C-alpha atoms as a PDB file:
ATOM      1  CA  MET A   1     -49.326  24.454 -11.202  1.00  0.00           C
ATOM      2  CA  PRO A   2     -47.720  20.884 -11.059  1.00  0.00           C
ATOM      3  CA  PHE A   3     -45.256  20.027 -13.256  1.00  0.00           C
ATOM      4  CA  PRO A   4     -46.598  17.548 -16.236  1.00  0.00           C
ATOM      5  CA  ILE A   5     -45.670  13.643 -15.800  1.00  0.00           C
ATOM      6  CA  ALA A   6     -43.106  13.799 -18.451  1.00  0.00           C
ATOM      7  CA  THR A   7     -41.453  16.751 -17.235  1.00  0.00           C
ATOM      8  CA  THR A   8     -40.936  15.329 -14.025  1.00  0.00           C
ATOM      9  CA  ALA A   9     -39.523  12.193 -15.312  1.00  0.00           C
ATOM     10  CA  MET A  10     -37.304  13.933 -17.651  1.00  0.00           C
ATOM     11  CA  LEU A  11     -36.115  16.172 -14.628  1.00  0.00           C
ATOM     12  CA  ARG A  12     -35.741  12.783 -12.614  1.00  0.00           C
ATOM     13  CA  HIS A  13     -33.678  11.082 -15.549  1.00  0.00           C
ATOM     14  CA  ARG A  14     -31.420  14.301 -15.529  1.00  0.00           C
ATOM     15  CA  VAL A  15     -30.844  14.138 -11.922  1.00  0.00           C
ATOM     16  CA  ILE A  16     -29.689  10.632 -12.291  1.00  0.00           C
ATOM     17  CA  ALA A  17     -27.578  11.283 -15.307  1.00  0.00           C
ATOM     18  CA  SER A  18     -25.792  14.154 -13.547  1.00  0.00           C
ATOM     19  CA  SER A  19     -25.573  11.962 -10.344  1.00  0.00           C
ATOM     20  CA  ILE A  20     -23.804   9.336 -12.696  1.00  0.00           C
ATOM     21  CA  ALA A  21     -21.626  11.924 -14.222  1.00  0.00           C
ATOM     22  CA  ALA A  22     -20.506  13.423 -10.937  1.00  0.00           C
ATOM     23  CA  ALA A  23     -19.306  10.011  -9.829  1.00  0.00           C
ATOM     24  CA  ILE A  24     -17.322   9.446 -13.060  1.00  0.00           C
ATOM     25  CA  VAL A  25     -15.489  12.392 -12.594  1.00  0.00           C
ATOM     26  CA  LEU A  26     -14.796  12.184  -9.185  1.00  0.00           C
ATOM     27  CA  SER A  27     -13.537   8.648  -9.799  1.00  0.00           C
ATOM     28  CA  ALA A  28     -11.348   9.917 -12.329  1.00  0.00           C
ATOM     29  CA  CYS A  29      -9.653  12.557 -10.126  1.00  0.00           C
ATOM     30  CA  GLY A  30      -8.152   9.948  -7.642  1.00  0.00           C
ATOM     31  CA  PRO A  31      -6.248   6.648  -8.405  1.00  0.00           C
ATOM     32  CA  TYR A  32      -8.152   3.668  -8.359  1.00  0.00           C
ATOM     33  CA  ILE A  33      -6.391   1.316  -5.849  1.00  0.00           C
ATOM     34  CA  ARG A  34      -6.862  -2.399  -6.399  1.00  0.00           C
ATOM     35  CA  VAL A  35      -5.397  -4.203  -2.867  1.00  0.00           C
ATOM     36  CA  ARG A  36      -4.421  -7.893  -1.888  1.00  0.00           C
ATOM     37  CA  THR A  37      -3.638  -9.178   1.358  1.00  0.00           C
ATOM     38  CA  THR A  38      -2.603 -12.253   2.460  1.00  0.00           C
ATOM     39  CA  VAL A  39      -1.373 -13.606   5.975  1.00  0.00           C
ATOM     40  CA  ALA A  40       0.732 -16.670   7.003  1.00  0.00           C
ATOM     41  CA  PRO A  41      -1.109 -19.801   8.334  1.00  0.00           C
ATOM     42  CA  GLU A  42       0.522 -19.151  11.655  1.00  0.00           C
ATOM     43  CA  ALA A  43       0.566 -15.204  12.001  1.00  0.00           C
ATOM     44  CA  THR A  44      -1.285 -13.859  15.366  1.00  0.00           C
ATOM     45  CA  LEU A  45      -1.721 -10.423  14.499  1.00  0.00           C
ATOM     46  CA  SER A  46      -3.590  -9.294  17.545  1.00  0.00           C
ATOM     47  CA  ALA A  47      -0.123  -9.632  19.822  1.00  0.00           C
ATOM     48  CA  PHE A  48       1.305  -6.590  18.120  1.00  0.00           C
ATOM     49  CA  HIS A  49       1.090  -3.365  19.627  1.00  0.00           C
ATOM     50  CA  THR A  50       4.459  -1.626  18.635  1.00  0.00           C
ATOM     51  CA  PHE A  51       6.357  -1.394  15.276  1.00  0.00           C
ATOM     52  CA  ARG A  52       9.412  -0.072  13.397  1.00  0.00           C
ATOM     53  CA  VAL A  53       9.934   0.520   9.919  1.00  0.00           C
ATOM     54  CA  LEU A  54      12.873  -0.687   7.899  1.00  0.00           C
ATOM     55  CA  THR A  55      15.340   0.997   6.058  1.00  0.00           C
ATOM     56  CA  PRO A  56      15.262  -0.062   2.626  1.00  0.00           C
ATOM     57  CA  PRO A  57      18.684  -2.016   1.222  1.00  0.00           C
ATOM     58  CA  PRO A  58      20.663  -1.165  -1.598  1.00  0.00           C
ATOM     59  CA  ARG A  59      19.241  -3.101  -4.765  1.00  0.00           C
ATOM     60  CA  LYS A  60      21.075  -6.124  -5.419  1.00  0.00           C
ATOM     61  CA  ASP A  61      22.115  -5.399  -8.975  1.00  0.00           C
ATOM     62  CA  GLY A  62      23.180  -2.052  -7.996  1.00  0.00           C
ATOM     63  CA  ARG A  63      20.945  -0.085 -10.349  1.00  0.00           C
ATOM     64  CA  ARG A  64      19.585   3.133  -9.042  1.00  0.00           C
ATOM     65  CA  GLY A  65      17.826   6.365 -10.202  1.00  0.00           C
ATOM     66  CA  GLN A  66      17.158   9.811  -8.762  1.00  0.00           C
ATOM     67  CA  ASP A  67      13.460   9.327  -9.022  1.00  0.00           C
ATOM     68  CA  ASP A  68      13.614   5.357  -7.707  1.00  0.00           C
ATOM     69  CA  PRO A  69      11.069   5.446  -4.748  1.00  0.00           C
ATOM     70  CA  MET A  70      13.106   2.758  -3.264  1.00  0.00           C
ATOM     71  CA  LEU A  71      15.841   4.844  -2.922  1.00  0.00           C
ATOM     72  CA  VAL A  72      16.401   5.713   0.429  1.00  0.00           C
ATOM     73  CA  ASN A  73      17.697   9.519  -0.071  1.00  0.00           C
ATOM     74  CA  SER A  74      15.090  10.358  -2.740  1.00  0.00           C
ATOM     75  CA  ILE A  75      12.005  12.768  -1.640  1.00  0.00           C
ATOM     76  CA  SER A  76       9.668   9.745  -2.770  1.00  0.00           C
ATOM     77  CA  ASN A  77      11.413   7.202  -0.281  1.00  0.00           C
ATOM     78  CA  GLN A  78      11.114   9.502   2.775  1.00  0.00           C
ATOM     79  CA  ALA A  79       7.411  10.351   1.708  1.00  0.00           C
ATOM     80  CA  LEU A  80       6.536   6.628   1.468  1.00  0.00           C
ATOM     81  CA  ARG A  81       8.263   6.149   4.919  1.00  0.00           C
ATOM     82  CA  VAL A  82       6.144   8.954   6.231  1.00  0.00           C
ATOM     83  CA  ASN A  83       2.791   7.595   4.881  1.00  0.00           C
ATOM     84  CA  VAL A  84       3.811   3.811   5.955  1.00  0.00           C
ATOM     85  CA  THR A  85       4.426   5.197   9.745  1.00  0.00           C
ATOM     86  CA  ASP A  86       1.206   7.239   9.412  1.00  0.00           C
ATOM     87  CA  ALA A  87      -0.756   4.150   8.218  1.00  0.00           C
ATOM     88  CA  PHE A  88       0.053   2.112  11.114  1.00  0.00           C
ATOM     89  CA  ILE A  89      -0.221   4.976  13.852  1.00  0.00           C
ATOM     90  CA  ALA A  90      -3.652   5.355  12.552  1.00  0.00           C
ATOM     91  CA  ARG A  91      -4.304   1.924  13.089  1.00  0.00           C
ATOM     92  CA  GLY A  92      -3.644   1.871  16.534  1.00  0.00           C
ATOM     93  CA  TYR A  93       0.084   0.947  16.705  1.00  0.00           C
ATOM     94  CA  ALA A  94       2.947   2.853  18.443  1.00  0.00           C
ATOM     95  CA  LEU A  95       6.223   3.534  16.536  1.00  0.00           C
ATOM     96  CA  SER A  96       8.850   2.137  18.602  1.00  0.00           C
ATOM     97  CA  PRO A  97      11.899   1.601  16.748  1.00  0.00           C
ATOM     98  CA  ASP A  98      13.863   0.090  19.611  1.00  0.00           C
ATOM     99  CA  SER A  99      11.452  -2.252  21.062  1.00  0.00           C
ATOM    100  CA  ALA A 100       9.007  -3.460  18.109  1.00  0.00           C
ATOM    101  CA  ASP A 101       6.684  -6.132  18.095  1.00  0.00           C
ATOM    102  CA  PHE A 102       6.728  -6.019  14.440  1.00  0.00           C
ATOM    103  CA  THR A 103       8.976  -4.599  11.724  1.00  0.00           C
ATOM    104  CA  VAL A 104       7.534  -3.125   8.251  1.00  0.00           C
ATOM    105  CA  ALA A 105       9.338  -3.801   5.004  1.00  0.00           C
ATOM    106  CA  TYR A 106       8.062  -1.728   2.003  1.00  0.00           C
ATOM    107  CA  TYR A 107       8.243  -1.532  -1.950  1.00  0.00           C
ATOM    108  CA  ALA A 108       7.532   0.572  -4.705  1.00  0.00           C
ATOM    109  CA  SER A 109       8.074   1.025  -8.158  1.00  0.00           C
ATOM    110  CA  THR A 110       6.234   2.954 -11.121  1.00  0.00           C
ATOM    111  CA  ARG A 111       8.088   2.861 -14.265  1.00  0.00           C
ATOM    112  CA  GLU A 112       9.538  -0.659 -14.097  1.00  0.00           C
ATOM    113  CA  ARG A 113       8.166  -3.741 -12.816  1.00  0.00           C
ATOM    114  CA  LEU A 114       8.704  -4.399  -9.651  1.00  0.00           C
ATOM    115  CA  ASP A 115      11.037  -7.608  -8.590  1.00  0.00           C
ATOM    116  CA  ILE A 116      11.239  -7.379  -4.905  1.00  0.00           C
ATOM    117  CA  THR A 117      13.824  -9.809  -4.885  1.00  0.00           C
ATOM    118  CA  MET A 118      16.194  -6.593  -5.884  1.00  0.00           C
ATOM    119  CA  TRP A 119      16.052  -6.022  -2.253  1.00  0.00           C
ATOM    120  CA  ASP A 120      16.896  -8.065   0.913  1.00  0.00           C
ATOM    121  CA  TYR A 121      15.793  -6.729   4.103  1.00  0.00           C
ATOM    122  CA  GLY A 122      17.040 -10.064   5.691  1.00  0.00           C
ATOM    123  CA  TYR A 123      13.433 -11.900   6.801  1.00  0.00           C
ATOM    124  CA  ARG A 124      12.294 -15.404   5.730  1.00  0.00           C
ATOM    125  CA  ARG A 125       9.872 -15.336   3.041  1.00  0.00           C
ATOM    126  CA  ARG A 126       8.495 -19.239   3.262  1.00  0.00           C
ATOM    127  CA  TRP A 127       5.139 -18.696   2.225  1.00  0.00           C
ATOM    128  CA  ILE A 128       5.105 -15.909   0.242  1.00  0.00           C
ATOM    129  CA  GLY A 129       2.018 -15.885  -2.373  1.00  0.00           C
ATOM    130  CA  TRP A 130      -1.769 -15.292  -2.733  1.00  0.00           C
ATOM    131  CA  GLY A 131      -3.187 -18.753  -1.536  1.00  0.00           C
ATOM    132  CA  GLY A 132       0.119 -20.895  -1.726  1.00  0.00           C
ATOM    133  CA  VAL A 133       3.709 -21.412  -1.231  1.00  0.00           C
ATOM    134  CA  GLU A 134       6.305 -19.572  -3.280  1.00  0.00           C
ATOM    135  CA  THR A 135      10.099 -20.060  -2.988  1.00  0.00           C
ATOM    136  CA  VAL A 136      10.435 -16.586  -5.343  1.00  0.00           C
ATOM    137  CA  ALA A 137       8.880 -13.700  -5.453  1.00  0.00           C
ATOM    138  CA  THR A 138       7.344 -12.765  -8.805  1.00  0.00           C
ATOM    139  CA  PRO A 139       7.556  -9.235 -10.503  1.00  0.00           C
ATOM    140  CA  TYR A 140       4.565  -7.343 -10.064  1.00  0.00           C
ATOM    141  CA  THR A 141       2.840  -4.879 -12.166  1.00  0.00           C
ATOM    142  CA  GLU A 142       4.230  -1.218 -12.602  1.00  0.00           C
ATOM    143  CA  GLY A 143       2.461   1.138 -10.150  1.00  0.00           C
ATOM    144  CA  THR A 144       2.756  -1.267  -7.230  1.00  0.00           C
ATOM    145  CA  VAL A 145       3.335  -0.667  -3.484  1.00  0.00           C
ATOM    146  CA  ILE A 146       3.702  -3.686  -1.251  1.00  0.00           C
ATOM    147  CA  VAL A 147       3.770  -3.437   2.703  1.00  0.00           C
ATOM    148  CA  ASP A 148       5.388  -6.524   4.611  1.00  0.00           C
ATOM    149  CA  VAL A 149       4.773  -6.810   8.217  1.00  0.00           C
ATOM    150  CA  VAL A 150       7.639  -9.231   9.410  1.00  0.00           C
ATOM    151  CA  ASP A 151       7.771 -10.844  13.347  1.00  0.00           C
ATOM    152  CA  ALA A 152      10.179  -8.954  15.140  1.00  0.00           C
ATOM    153  CA  LYS A 153      11.387 -12.086  17.310  1.00  0.00           C
ATOM    154  CA  THR A 154      11.405 -14.686  14.544  1.00  0.00           C
ATOM    155  CA  ASN A 155      12.179 -12.606  11.777  1.00  0.00           C
ATOM    156  CA  ASP A 156       9.184 -14.303   9.461  1.00  0.00           C
ATOM    157  CA  LEU A 157       6.991 -12.383   6.969  1.00  0.00           C
ATOM    158  CA  LEU A 158       3.428 -12.995   8.395  1.00  0.00           C
ATOM    159  CA  TRP A 159       1.531 -10.458   6.354  1.00  0.00           C
ATOM    160  CA  ARG A 160       1.614  -8.748   2.878  1.00  0.00           C
ATOM    161  CA  GLY A 161      -0.702  -6.083   1.413  1.00  0.00           C
ATOM    162  CA  ARG A 162      -0.135  -5.240  -1.942  1.00  0.00           C
ATOM    163  CA  GLY A 163      -1.602  -2.043  -3.750  1.00  0.00           C
ATOM    164  CA  THR A 164      -1.451  -1.579  -7.615  1.00  0.00           C
ATOM    165  CA  ALA A 165      -2.852   2.048  -8.879  1.00  0.00           C
ATOM    166  CA  ARG A 166      -2.283   4.631 -11.693  1.00  0.00           C
ATOM    167  CA  THR A 167       0.903   6.457 -11.434  1.00  0.00           C
ATOM    168  CA  SER A 168       2.048   9.976 -12.379  1.00  0.00           C
ATOM    169  CA  ASP A 169       5.164  11.360 -13.622  1.00  0.00           C
ATOM    170  CA  HIS A 170       4.322  14.720 -11.637  1.00  0.00           C
ATOM    171  CA  PRO A 171       6.596  14.259  -8.331  1.00  0.00           C
ATOM    172  CA  THR A 172       3.369  15.782  -6.173  1.00  0.00           C
ATOM    173  CA  GLU A 173       0.817  13.588  -7.602  1.00  0.00           C
ATOM    174  CA  PHE A 174       3.138  10.500  -7.516  1.00  0.00           C
ATOM    175  CA  GLN A 175       3.549  10.798  -3.981  1.00  0.00           C
ATOM    176  CA  ARG A 176      -0.122  11.544  -3.241  1.00  0.00           C
ATOM    177  CA  TYR A 177      -0.547   8.146  -5.548  1.00  0.00           C
ATOM    178  CA  LEU A 178       2.056   6.447  -2.840  1.00  0.00           C
ATOM    179  CA  ARG A 179       0.311   7.878   0.228  1.00  0.00           C
ATOM    180  CA  ASP A 180      -3.354   6.614  -1.252  1.00  0.00           C
ATOM    181  CA  ALA A 181      -1.608   3.241  -2.008  1.00  0.00           C
ATOM    182  CA  VAL A 182      -0.048   2.863   1.381  1.00  0.00           C
ATOM    183  CA  THR A 183      -3.079   3.853   3.201  1.00  0.00           C
ATOM    184  CA  ALA A 184      -5.418   1.650   1.278  1.00  0.00           C
ATOM    185  CA  ILE A 185      -3.353  -1.375   1.799  1.00  0.00           C
ATOM    186  CA  VAL A 186      -2.847  -0.578   5.493  1.00  0.00           C
ATOM    187  CA  LYS A 187      -6.304  -0.375   6.025  1.00  0.00           C
ATOM    188  CA  LYS A 188      -6.521  -4.174   5.361  1.00  0.00           C
ATOM    189  CA  PHE A 189      -4.463  -4.525   8.330  1.00  0.00           C
ATOM    190  CA  PRO A 190      -6.012  -4.962  11.846  1.00  0.00           C
ATOM    191  CA  ASN A 191      -6.368  -2.300  14.141  1.00  0.00           C
ATOM    192  CA  ALA A 192      -4.397  -2.553  17.485  1.00  0.00           C
ATOM    193  CA  THR A 193      -5.960  -4.343  20.038  1.00  0.00           C
ATOM    194  CA  SER A 194      -5.768  -2.643  23.775  1.00  0.00           C
ATOM    195  CA  ARG A 195      -3.449  -4.682  26.125  1.00  0.00           C
END
């Protein structure tokens, strides 16, 4: 015997409500990552095939915390470096520490506002900004990862990706959020082209 029309409509309503609830639960399980990227006006990213990842320099103000993701010997920094490397390899680029076409600098912060001027990798930041020229980098919100692509020959900043997401005090979750943020950022960088 077929269902009455009211029962079919109620079932359809329950299915839709369940689908919406499942989507909300699933979205709450993982971090929501907002990504913004910008490219230098003269950048020719399609010429790149190899990269190397820069080692973060010490903070200019000398402050360090054991849980600081920018502290080179911290577990978070080591995981972040691997995440950055893996993300560019996934885009088709080859890791080449000795003869790279571009270098990658990265920054991360969670419990404080991220002021990238605290670390000096030594490259020129002539066009920093999201749509205009800016001479000083401004602090970014907490839960931020920044990935910079620098021309290995000229030492000029060519591309910047910035991702913001929620963070966690739990080390395992924090590293997962870092990985997810790096992956989301580098997905915005063009795939390597064949030679």
